[in-house]
Amino acid sequence: MMQQSSICCSVALIFLCALHTCQSWNSPRVAVGKEIRPRLHHNLHTAKTTGLVDSLGGDARDDDINLESDRDNFWDAPLSDTISKNNSMRLLTSKSPHDWERYLKKSSPPPRVPQEMVKDPFWEQIRLDAKIALQEQAEQAGPQLYQGILSHRSLLTAICTVISHEIENDLLGATEIRDLFLEHLTVEDEYAIQLDLQAVATRSPSTNSAMEALLFHKGFHSLVCYRVGHRLWLADRKGLAYYMQSIVSRVYSADIHPACRMGYGLYLRGAGCGIVIGETATIGNDCSILEGVTLGGTGKEAGDRHPKVGNGVILQDGATVLGNIPVGDGSIVMAKSIVTKPVEPLSIVSGVPARAVGARNVFDQNSITEFEQDDMQEHLVFKYLELWQDVAKEQQAEKAREATKAM
C-alpha cells in the first residue's frame, strides 16, 4: 500500500513538473519575442530613432531590410544612434547643412537610466552588420563575429570582451580583465566610448563600419583601456592603473597616463603608434590625434606641466606639444611640428618651432565646403561652426582695437 502511494506521489510530481515546464516554455517565448524586437529608444539618450534595426525581431528577416525607406526619418536620430558606414552611412550621402545641424546637435549628456529598461539602436546596428557579414563569410568570420559581437547583449560587454582577450596575460586572464572593466566603467564612460567608436567609423578612411572598429581598431581599444585606468586612478587604485597603462603601452604602443583628462568623440588613428600623453594633459571633445603625437612636458616644470588641448583640434602625424600651454579650439597642428607657445583658436601652426601659418576660414563658403568633404573635419563644421564664427569675430575685433591703439 505504501509502495503504491509512493508511486502515485511520484507520478503526480512528474505531472506537475511537466505542467510547469510547459508553462515556462510558453511564457518566455512571448517575453523573448518582445525583448528581441527593439523598443526604439537609445539607452543613453532615451530618444526615438529611425527604425533601421526594427526588422531584427519578430517575423522579419535581415534580408527584408530596406534602408532607403528610412531616409525621411533618419535625421530625427541623435548622433550616437546609428553611424555604421557599412549600412547607415549610405544615408549620409545627400546630407544638407540643415540635416547635419539637426543630426549633430542632438547629442546630450546621458541620463541615468537602467540598462535593462531600454534598447540601444547603435548596438543593434552593429549586430545587424555582423549578421550580414556572417551570411557572406560564415566559415571564415563566424567564430570571431559570434565571440566578439553576436554572443553579447550590450555594446559595452562586447567591447570589454574583445579588448580583454587582446591584453590578457599570465597575471590577469581575459575574464578577470573584462569583469574589471565592467565594474569600473560608468554611464558617462559608456557614452564617451560610443562617441569614440563613432569617431573611428566616420573619420578613419580605412575603417568601413563601426563593427570593424569595435573588433580591430587598436587606437579605439587603447582609449577604452585609458578610460578604465582613469577610473582606477580616481578610485585611488593607482598601482592597478599604472599596470593598465603599461599593458596598453606594450600592446597598443600608446602611452597614455591614467591621470590625464580626455573628452569624448576622440579619434586615435591606426594603432595609436607612438602616442604619448602626459599626466596633467587635458584633451577636449571631438579631437583627432594621429600617429606619433606627443603631449609632454619641457622637463623644466613640476606640477601642472602638460598641454591643454581644446575641442575639435587636429594633431597631425608626429606633432609635439610641450609644456603647460593651451591649444585653442579648432586649431590644427601640422605634421612634425614642435609647439612650445600657446596656439590661438582656429589657427594653423607648423614648423620647428611652430608658428602660425594660417587660420581656418569659417566664413568663406568654399573653405566650409572643403571641410565638409574631409572625413577628419566634416563633423566639426556643423557642430562648431556657429561657435567658431563668434570666436573669429572676437579675434577680428581684438585685432582692430590693437590696430587703432597703434595708430
Foldseek 3Di string as FASTA:
>chain_A
DVVVVVVVVVVVVVVVVVVVVVVVVVVVVVVVQVLQQFPQAAQFQRDHAQCQLRQRGDPHDLVVGDLVVRLVGHLQEEQLQAFWLVRNVVSVPPDDLVSLLSHHVSDDGGDDDDPSVHDRNHLSNLLSVLVVVCVVPVVPCVVVSCQQRVVDDDPLLSLLQLLLCQLADPVHHSVRSSVLLVVQQDSRNVSQLSLQLSLCNQAPPVHRTSNCCSNPAQQSSLVSLLRSLLSCVVVVVNVVSVVSQVSSCVRLVARERSQEEEEGNEAEPGSLHQHAHDNDEYAEHLEYEYHNEYFEEPVPDDDNWTDYEYALEYEDANEYEYTHEYEADCEYEDHNEYEDYHHYHQFYWYDDPIDTPGGQDLPDPVSLVVQCVRSSRNSVNSVCSVVVVVVVVVVVVVVVVVVVVVD
